[in-house]
Amino acid sequence: MSDRGVILLGFGLIAAAALVAILLTRLRRDSVASLGETIAYLTGTRTTRIIAVLIWAWLGWHFLAR
């Protein structure tokens, strides 16, 4: 399998995992936090928001820039 195929497969698996997580949050609202609640919790303080932006920038620089 080529490098491109492996990358596409990886993104497909991530998308499938996200879809399963979304379905779980809709079926079990009491036991699983939604994506919005999780992101709100993780970016609740200024420090964690700065860390999230730095991680996002690093990922964009290393994986999306060509």
C-alpha atoms as a PDB file:
ATOM      1  CA  MET A   1       0.000   0.000   0.000  1.00  0.00           C
ATOM      2  CA  SER A   2       1.335   3.444  -0.886  1.00  0.00           C
ATOM      3  CA  ASP A   3       1.916   6.242   1.598  1.00  0.00           C
ATOM      4  CA  ARG A   4      -1.124   8.065   0.270  1.00  0.00           C
ATOM      5  CA  GLY A   5      -3.284   4.991   0.803  1.00  0.00           C
ATOM      6  CA  VAL A   6      -2.121   4.634   4.389  1.00  0.00           C
ATOM      7  CA  ILE A   7      -2.862   8.297   5.079  1.00  0.00           C
ATOM      8  CA  LEU A   8      -6.311   8.070   3.520  1.00  0.00           C
ATOM      9  CA  LEU A   9      -7.034   4.911   5.497  1.00  0.00           C
ATOM     10  CA  GLY A  10      -5.931   6.666   8.694  1.00  0.00           C
ATOM     11  CA  PHE A  11      -8.195   9.638   8.046  1.00  0.00           C
ATOM     12  CA  GLY A  12     -11.034   7.248   7.232  1.00  0.00           C
ATOM     13  CA  LEU A  13     -10.542   5.467  10.550  1.00  0.00           C
ATOM     14  CA  ILE A  14     -10.501   8.785  12.407  1.00  0.00           C
ATOM     15  CA  ALA A  15     -13.708   9.843  10.654  1.00  0.00           C
ATOM     16  CA  ALA A  16     -15.341   6.492  11.490  1.00  0.00           C
ATOM     17  CA  ALA A  17     -14.312   6.822  15.153  1.00  0.00           C
ATOM     18  CA  ALA A  18     -15.743  10.357  15.250  1.00  0.00           C
ATOM     19  CA  LEU A  19     -18.999   9.105  13.729  1.00  0.00           C
ATOM     20  CA  VAL A  20     -19.254   6.328  16.324  1.00  0.00           C
ATOM     21  CA  ALA A  21     -18.569   8.841  19.108  1.00  0.00           C
ATOM     22  CA  ILE A  22     -21.271  11.166  17.777  1.00  0.00           C
ATOM     23  CA  LEU A  23     -23.769   8.316  17.584  1.00  0.00           C
ATOM     24  CA  LEU A  24     -22.909   7.249  21.148  1.00  0.00           C
ATOM     25  CA  THR A  25     -23.520  10.765  22.439  1.00  0.00           C
ATOM     26  CA  ARG A  26     -26.923  10.846  20.760  1.00  0.00           C
ATOM     27  CA  LEU A  27     -27.947   7.426  22.094  1.00  0.00           C
ATOM     28  CA  ARG A  28     -26.562   7.779  25.631  1.00  0.00           C
ATOM     29  CA  ARG A  29     -26.862  11.433  26.562  1.00  0.00           C
ATOM     30  CA  ASP A  30     -26.553  10.728  30.281  1.00  0.00           C
ATOM     31  CA  SER A  31     -23.241   8.821  30.251  1.00  0.00           C
ATOM     32  CA  VAL A  32     -21.204  10.311  27.365  1.00  0.00           C
ATOM     33  CA  ALA A  33     -20.376  14.004  27.001  1.00  0.00           C
ATOM     34  CA  SER A  34     -21.035  15.607  23.639  1.00  0.00           C
ATOM     35  CA  LEU A  35     -18.198  16.999  21.535  1.00  0.00           C
ATOM     36  CA  GLY A  36     -19.226  20.552  22.369  1.00  0.00           C
ATOM     37  CA  GLU A  37     -19.238  19.830  26.111  1.00  0.00           C
ATOM     38  CA  THR A  38     -15.823  18.169  25.874  1.00  0.00           C
ATOM     39  CA  ILE A  39     -14.277  21.052  23.942  1.00  0.00           C
ATOM     40  CA  ALA A  40     -15.854  23.596  26.319  1.00  0.00           C
ATOM     41  CA  TYR A  41     -14.369  21.693  29.276  1.00  0.00           C
ATOM     42  CA  LEU A  42     -10.918  21.392  27.683  1.00  0.00           C
ATOM     43  CA  THR A  43     -10.768  25.075  26.710  1.00  0.00           C
ATOM     44  CA  GLY A  44     -12.220  26.373  29.945  1.00  0.00           C
ATOM     45  CA  THR A  45      -9.141  28.339  30.966  1.00  0.00           C
ATOM     46  CA  ARG A  46      -6.898  30.732  29.098  1.00  0.00           C
ATOM     47  CA  THR A  47      -3.908  28.405  29.393  1.00  0.00           C
ATOM     48  CA  THR A  48      -5.678  25.447  27.820  1.00  0.00           C
ATOM     49  CA  ARG A  49      -7.024  27.648  25.002  1.00  0.00           C
ATOM     50  CA  ILE A  50      -3.468  28.800  24.209  1.00  0.00           C
ATOM     51  CA  ILE A  51      -2.237  25.190  24.292  1.00  0.00           C
ATOM     52  CA  ALA A  52      -5.081  24.133  21.970  1.00  0.00           C
ATOM     53  CA  VAL A  53      -4.182  26.872  19.474  1.00  0.00           C
ATOM     54  CA  LEU A  54      -0.500  25.914  19.583  1.00  0.00           C
ATOM     55  CA  ILE A  55      -1.312  22.239  19.000  1.00  0.00           C
ATOM     56  CA  TRP A  56      -3.644  23.160  16.133  1.00  0.00           C
ATOM     57  CA  ALA A  57      -0.938  25.372  14.573  1.00  0.00           C
ATOM     58  CA  TRP A  58       1.689  22.643  14.966  1.00  0.00           C
ATOM     59  CA  LEU A  59      -0.569  20.054  13.332  1.00  0.00           C
ATOM     60  CA  GLY A  60      -1.366  22.420  10.483  1.00  0.00           C
ATOM     61  CA  TRP A  61       2.278  23.304   9.941  1.00  0.00           C
ATOM     62  CA  HIS A  62       3.525  19.731   9.958  1.00  0.00           C
ATOM     63  CA  PHE A  63       0.712  17.860   8.249  1.00  0.00           C
ATOM     64  CA  LEU A  64      -1.170  20.300   6.039  1.00  0.00           C
ATOM     65  CA  ALA A  65       1.541  22.647   4.683  1.00  0.00           C
ATOM     66  CA  ARG A  66       3.277  21.554   1.518  1.00  0.00           C
END
